[in-house]
Amino acid sequence: MSVKQTDYTLLARQLDALLDGETDLIANLSNASALLNENLDQINWVGFYLMKNDALILGPFQGKPACVHIEVGRGVCGTAVAENKIQRVADVNAFPGHIACDAASQSEIVVPIHKGDTVIGVLDIDAPITNRFSEADEEGLAKFVEVLEQHLA
């Protein structure tokens, strides 16, 4: 089954317009997750985790109920924060310490979100197929998060 290509340039422009003039973090993350959920093919979860008391806490998302609390350094999300680096995992079952919130998830991409030089959270996207996320997805989602970061109060 092939994955439909996403126009990330258009998606980033849509996000910029959607968030224009709005400073509420929860509202902006809610709309961002909904926008991604509507436009990404072959995904089963998309949302945000936010840093609170030195751990990741579940934020706005689209999909099945999820893990609420993730320690920095644990799982794909915690690793993204610890390394301050995008994690693109072709097969989550091969990722040491993967936290399985939804057994259907087979691949995952996590993009750190910054305020200044500080990681304040992550964008987390799961897919029900292996090898879902390409280098183009990684680059496009990094640009999407850059637009989001510009709207953080």
C-alpha atoms as a PDB file:
ATOM      1  CA  MET A   1       0.000   0.000   0.000  1.00  0.00           C
ATOM      2  CA  SER A   2       1.535   3.288  -1.047  1.00  0.00           C
ATOM      3  CA  VAL A   3       1.383   6.434   1.029  1.00  0.00           C
ATOM      4  CA  LYS A   4      -0.059   9.562  -0.575  1.00  0.00           C
ATOM      5  CA  GLN A   5       2.530  12.365  -0.687  1.00  0.00           C
ATOM      6  CA  THR A   6       1.833  15.360   1.528  1.00  0.00           C
ATOM      7  CA  ASP A   7       2.299  18.940   0.342  1.00  0.00           C
ATOM      8  CA  TYR A   8       4.149  20.197   3.415  1.00  0.00           C
ATOM      9  CA  THR A   9       4.663  23.680   1.958  1.00  0.00           C
ATOM     10  CA  LEU A  10       0.890  24.088   1.664  1.00  0.00           C
ATOM     11  CA  LEU A  11       0.384  22.531   5.106  1.00  0.00           C
ATOM     12  CA  ALA A  12       2.842  24.995   6.706  1.00  0.00           C
ATOM     13  CA  ARG A  13       1.043  27.914   5.015  1.00  0.00           C
ATOM     14  CA  GLN A  14      -2.321  26.611   6.223  1.00  0.00           C
ATOM     15  CA  LEU A  15      -0.962  26.304   9.769  1.00  0.00           C
ATOM     16  CA  ASP A  16       0.450  29.830   9.655  1.00  0.00           C
ATOM     17  CA  ALA A  17      -2.942  31.214   8.556  1.00  0.00           C
ATOM     18  CA  LEU A  18      -4.842  29.085  11.087  1.00  0.00           C
ATOM     19  CA  LEU A  19      -2.713  30.304  14.004  1.00  0.00           C
ATOM     20  CA  ASP A  20      -2.477  33.934  12.888  1.00  0.00           C
ATOM     21  CA  GLY A  21      -3.321  36.227  15.785  1.00  0.00           C
ATOM     22  CA  GLU A  22      -3.962  33.381  18.255  1.00  0.00           C
ATOM     23  CA  THR A  23      -1.596  32.975  21.201  1.00  0.00           C
ATOM     24  CA  ASP A  24      -3.332  30.270  23.244  1.00  0.00           C
ATOM     25  CA  LEU A  25      -1.036  27.228  23.299  1.00  0.00           C
ATOM     26  CA  ILE A  26      -3.748  24.580  23.739  1.00  0.00           C
ATOM     27  CA  ALA A  27      -5.931  26.062  20.986  1.00  0.00           C
ATOM     28  CA  ASN A  28      -2.963  26.254  18.590  1.00  0.00           C
ATOM     29  CA  LEU A  29      -1.772  22.709  19.311  1.00  0.00           C
ATOM     30  CA  SER A  30      -5.333  21.407  18.974  1.00  0.00           C
ATOM     31  CA  ASN A  31      -5.726  22.970  15.530  1.00  0.00           C
ATOM     32  CA  ALA A  32      -2.238  21.845  14.482  1.00  0.00           C
ATOM     33  CA  SER A  33      -2.981  18.217  15.410  1.00  0.00           C
ATOM     34  CA  ALA A  34      -6.342  18.347  13.609  1.00  0.00           C
ATOM     35  CA  LEU A  35      -4.707  19.836  10.500  1.00  0.00           C
ATOM     36  CA  LEU A  36      -2.101  17.059  10.396  1.00  0.00           C
ATOM     37  CA  ASN A  37      -4.692  14.365  11.080  1.00  0.00           C
ATOM     38  CA  GLU A  38      -6.792  15.568   8.136  1.00  0.00           C
ATOM     39  CA  ASN A  39      -3.843  15.799   5.729  1.00  0.00           C
ATOM     40  CA  LEU A  40      -1.492  12.900   6.488  1.00  0.00           C
ATOM     41  CA  ASP A  41      -2.179   9.530   4.904  1.00  0.00           C
ATOM     42  CA  GLN A  42      -1.729   6.243   6.759  1.00  0.00           C
ATOM     43  CA  ILE A  43      -1.396   7.537  10.323  1.00  0.00           C
ATOM     44  CA  ASN A  44      -3.266   6.408  13.433  1.00  0.00           C
ATOM     45  CA  TRP A  45      -2.193   9.020  16.022  1.00  0.00           C
ATOM     46  CA  VAL A  46      -0.935  12.600  15.900  1.00  0.00           C
ATOM     47  CA  GLY A  47      -0.432  14.942  18.797  1.00  0.00           C
ATOM     48  CA  PHE A  48       1.760  16.751  21.227  1.00  0.00           C
ATOM     49  CA  TYR A  49       3.538  16.096  24.495  1.00  0.00           C
ATOM     50  CA  LEU A  50       4.623  19.099  26.546  1.00  0.00           C
ATOM     51  CA  MET A  51       7.441  19.388  29.066  1.00  0.00           C
ATOM     52  CA  LYS A  52       6.200  19.783  32.639  1.00  0.00           C
ATOM     53  CA  ASN A  53       8.238  19.075  35.773  1.00  0.00           C
ATOM     54  CA  ASP A  54      11.075  17.572  33.678  1.00  0.00           C
ATOM     55  CA  ALA A  55       8.832  15.014  31.930  1.00  0.00           C
ATOM     56  CA  LEU A  56       6.579  14.889  28.871  1.00  0.00           C
ATOM     57  CA  ILE A  57       2.859  15.211  29.589  1.00  0.00           C
ATOM     58  CA  LEU A  58       0.152  14.459  27.025  1.00  0.00           C
ATOM     59  CA  GLY A  59      -1.203  17.500  25.198  1.00  0.00           C
ATOM     60  CA  PRO A  60      -3.744  17.968  22.396  1.00  0.00           C
ATOM     61  CA  PHE A  61      -3.978  15.017  20.009  1.00  0.00           C
ATOM     62  CA  GLN A  62      -6.100  13.114  17.494  1.00  0.00           C
ATOM     63  CA  GLY A  63      -6.419   9.340  17.895  1.00  0.00           C
ATOM     64  CA  LYS A  64      -6.943   6.713  20.570  1.00  0.00           C
ATOM     65  CA  PRO A  65      -6.265   7.491  24.239  1.00  0.00           C
ATOM     66  CA  ALA A  66      -2.519   7.709  24.858  1.00  0.00           C
ATOM     67  CA  CYS A  67       0.173   7.456  27.497  1.00  0.00           C
ATOM     68  CA  VAL A  68      -0.036  10.511  29.747  1.00  0.00           C
ATOM     69  CA  HIS A  69       3.449  10.700  31.270  1.00  0.00           C
ATOM     70  CA  ILE A  70       6.761   9.955  29.493  1.00  0.00           C
ATOM     71  CA  GLU A  71      10.149  10.359  31.172  1.00  0.00           C
ATOM     72  CA  VAL A  72      12.870  12.165  29.226  1.00  0.00           C
ATOM     73  CA  GLY A  73      15.083   9.521  27.635  1.00  0.00           C
ATOM     74  CA  ARG A  74      12.322   6.853  27.515  1.00  0.00           C
ATOM     75  CA  GLY A  75      10.666   5.717  24.316  1.00  0.00           C
ATOM     76  CA  VAL A  76      10.797   7.573  21.024  1.00  0.00           C
ATOM     77  CA  CYS A  77       9.361  10.823  22.452  1.00  0.00           C
ATOM     78  CA  GLY A  78      11.671  10.878  25.471  1.00  0.00           C
ATOM     79  CA  THR A  79      14.669  10.111  23.242  1.00  0.00           C
ATOM     80  CA  ALA A  80      13.776  13.029  20.931  1.00  0.00           C
ATOM     81  CA  VAL A  81      13.885  15.367  23.949  1.00  0.00           C
ATOM     82  CA  ALA A  82      17.058  13.856  25.446  1.00  0.00           C
ATOM     83  CA  GLU A  83      18.915  14.104  22.116  1.00  0.00           C
ATOM     84  CA  ASN A  84      17.118  17.280  20.947  1.00  0.00           C
ATOM     85  CA  LYS A  85      16.818  15.581  17.575  1.00  0.00           C
ATOM     86  CA  ILE A  86      14.063  14.298  15.287  1.00  0.00           C
ATOM     87  CA  GLN A  87      13.482  10.572  15.719  1.00  0.00           C
ATOM     88  CA  ARG A  88      12.250   8.754  12.611  1.00  0.00           C
ATOM     89  CA  VAL A  89      11.624   5.120  13.461  1.00  0.00           C
ATOM     90  CA  ALA A  90      10.804   2.707  10.626  1.00  0.00           C
ATOM     91  CA  ASP A  91       9.810  -0.142  12.966  1.00  0.00           C
ATOM     92  CA  VAL A  92       8.894   0.744  16.550  1.00  0.00           C
ATOM     93  CA  ASN A  93       9.217  -2.908  17.581  1.00  0.00           C
ATOM     94  CA  ALA A  94      12.950  -2.644  16.891  1.00  0.00           C
ATOM     95  CA  PHE A  95      13.342   0.561  18.948  1.00  0.00           C
ATOM     96  CA  PRO A  96      14.849  -0.179  22.386  1.00  0.00           C
ATOM     97  CA  GLY A  97      12.455   0.904  25.125  1.00  0.00           C
ATOM     98  CA  HIS A  98       9.581   1.759  22.776  1.00  0.00           C
ATOM     99  CA  ILE A  99       6.438   2.658  24.727  1.00  0.00           C
ATOM    100  CA  ALA A 100       3.463   0.996  23.068  1.00  0.00           C
ATOM    101  CA  CYS A 101       0.394   3.161  23.711  1.00  0.00           C
ATOM    102  CA  ASP A 102      -1.421   1.659  20.704  1.00  0.00           C
ATOM    103  CA  ALA A 103      -0.470  -1.856  19.599  1.00  0.00           C
ATOM    104  CA  ALA A 104      -1.462  -0.935  16.023  1.00  0.00           C
ATOM    105  CA  SER A 105       1.415   1.559  15.739  1.00  0.00           C
ATOM    106  CA  GLN A 106       4.274   0.224  13.635  1.00  0.00           C
ATOM    107  CA  SER A 107       6.340   3.320  12.805  1.00  0.00           C
ATOM    108  CA  GLU A 108       6.734   6.739  14.387  1.00  0.00           C
ATOM    109  CA  ILE A 109       8.242  10.168  13.925  1.00  0.00           C
ATOM    110  CA  VAL A 110       8.851  12.651  16.747  1.00  0.00           C
ATOM    111  CA  VAL A 111       9.894  16.288  16.218  1.00  0.00           C
ATOM    112  CA  PRO A 112      11.158  18.409  19.149  1.00  0.00           C
ATOM    113  CA  ILE A 113       9.446  21.777  19.665  1.00  0.00           C
ATOM    114  CA  HIS A 114      11.558  24.690  20.903  1.00  0.00           C
ATOM    115  CA  LYS A 115      11.043  28.001  22.619  1.00  0.00           C
ATOM    116  CA  GLY A 116      14.393  29.700  22.183  1.00  0.00           C
ATOM    117  CA  ASP A 117      17.012  27.016  22.823  1.00  0.00           C
ATOM    118  CA  THR A 118      14.788  25.007  25.159  1.00  0.00           C
ATOM    119  CA  VAL A 119      12.798  21.916  24.145  1.00  0.00           C
ATOM    120  CA  ILE A 120       9.264  22.567  25.421  1.00  0.00           C
ATOM    121  CA  GLY A 121       7.591  19.523  23.876  1.00  0.00           C
ATOM    122  CA  VAL A 122       7.334  17.233  20.880  1.00  0.00           C
ATOM    123  CA  LEU A 123       5.110  16.532  17.904  1.00  0.00           C
ATOM    124  CA  ASP A 124       4.494  12.769  17.841  1.00  0.00           C
ATOM    125  CA  ILE A 125       2.973  10.901  14.886  1.00  0.00           C
ATOM    126  CA  ASP A 126       2.331   7.145  14.739  1.00  0.00           C
ATOM    127  CA  ALA A 127       1.461   5.004  11.733  1.00  0.00           C
ATOM    128  CA  PRO A 128      -0.091   1.524  11.474  1.00  0.00           C
ATOM    129  CA  ILE A 129       2.485   0.488   8.838  1.00  0.00           C
ATOM    130  CA  THR A 130       6.269   0.125   8.998  1.00  0.00           C
ATOM    131  CA  ASN A 131       8.507   2.564   7.117  1.00  0.00           C
ATOM    132  CA  ARG A 132       5.697   5.148   6.921  1.00  0.00           C
ATOM    133  CA  PHE A 133       7.867   8.245   7.324  1.00  0.00           C
ATOM    134  CA  SER A 134      10.354   9.303   4.664  1.00  0.00           C
ATOM    135  CA  GLU A 135      13.104  11.892   4.637  1.00  0.00           C
ATOM    136  CA  ALA A 136      10.615  14.202   2.862  1.00  0.00           C
ATOM    137  CA  ASP A 137       8.167  13.722   5.757  1.00  0.00           C
ATOM    138  CA  GLU A 138      10.944  14.509   8.231  1.00  0.00           C
ATOM    139  CA  GLU A 139      11.899  17.716   6.395  1.00  0.00           C
ATOM    140  CA  GLY A 140       8.249  18.758   5.937  1.00  0.00           C
ATOM    141  CA  LEU A 141       7.315  18.138   9.559  1.00  0.00           C
ATOM    142  CA  ALA A 142      10.414  20.040  10.722  1.00  0.00           C
ATOM    143  CA  LYS A 143       9.184  23.046   8.692  1.00  0.00           C
ATOM    144  CA  PHE A 144       5.661  22.577  10.089  1.00  0.00           C
ATOM    145  CA  VAL A 145       7.054  22.710  13.639  1.00  0.00           C
ATOM    146  CA  GLU A 146       9.140  25.805  12.773  1.00  0.00           C
ATOM    147  CA  VAL A 147       5.913  27.597  11.796  1.00  0.00           C
ATOM    148  CA  LEU A 148       4.272  26.396  15.015  1.00  0.00           C
ATOM    149  CA  GLU A 149       7.229  27.671  17.076  1.00  0.00           C
ATOM    150  CA  GLN A 150       6.778  31.151  15.572  1.00  0.00           C
ATOM    151  CA  HIS A 151       3.238  31.253  17.044  1.00  0.00           C
ATOM    152  CA  LEU A 152       4.179  30.192  20.559  1.00  0.00           C
ATOM    153  CA  ALA A 153       3.656  32.979  23.066  1.00  0.00           C
END
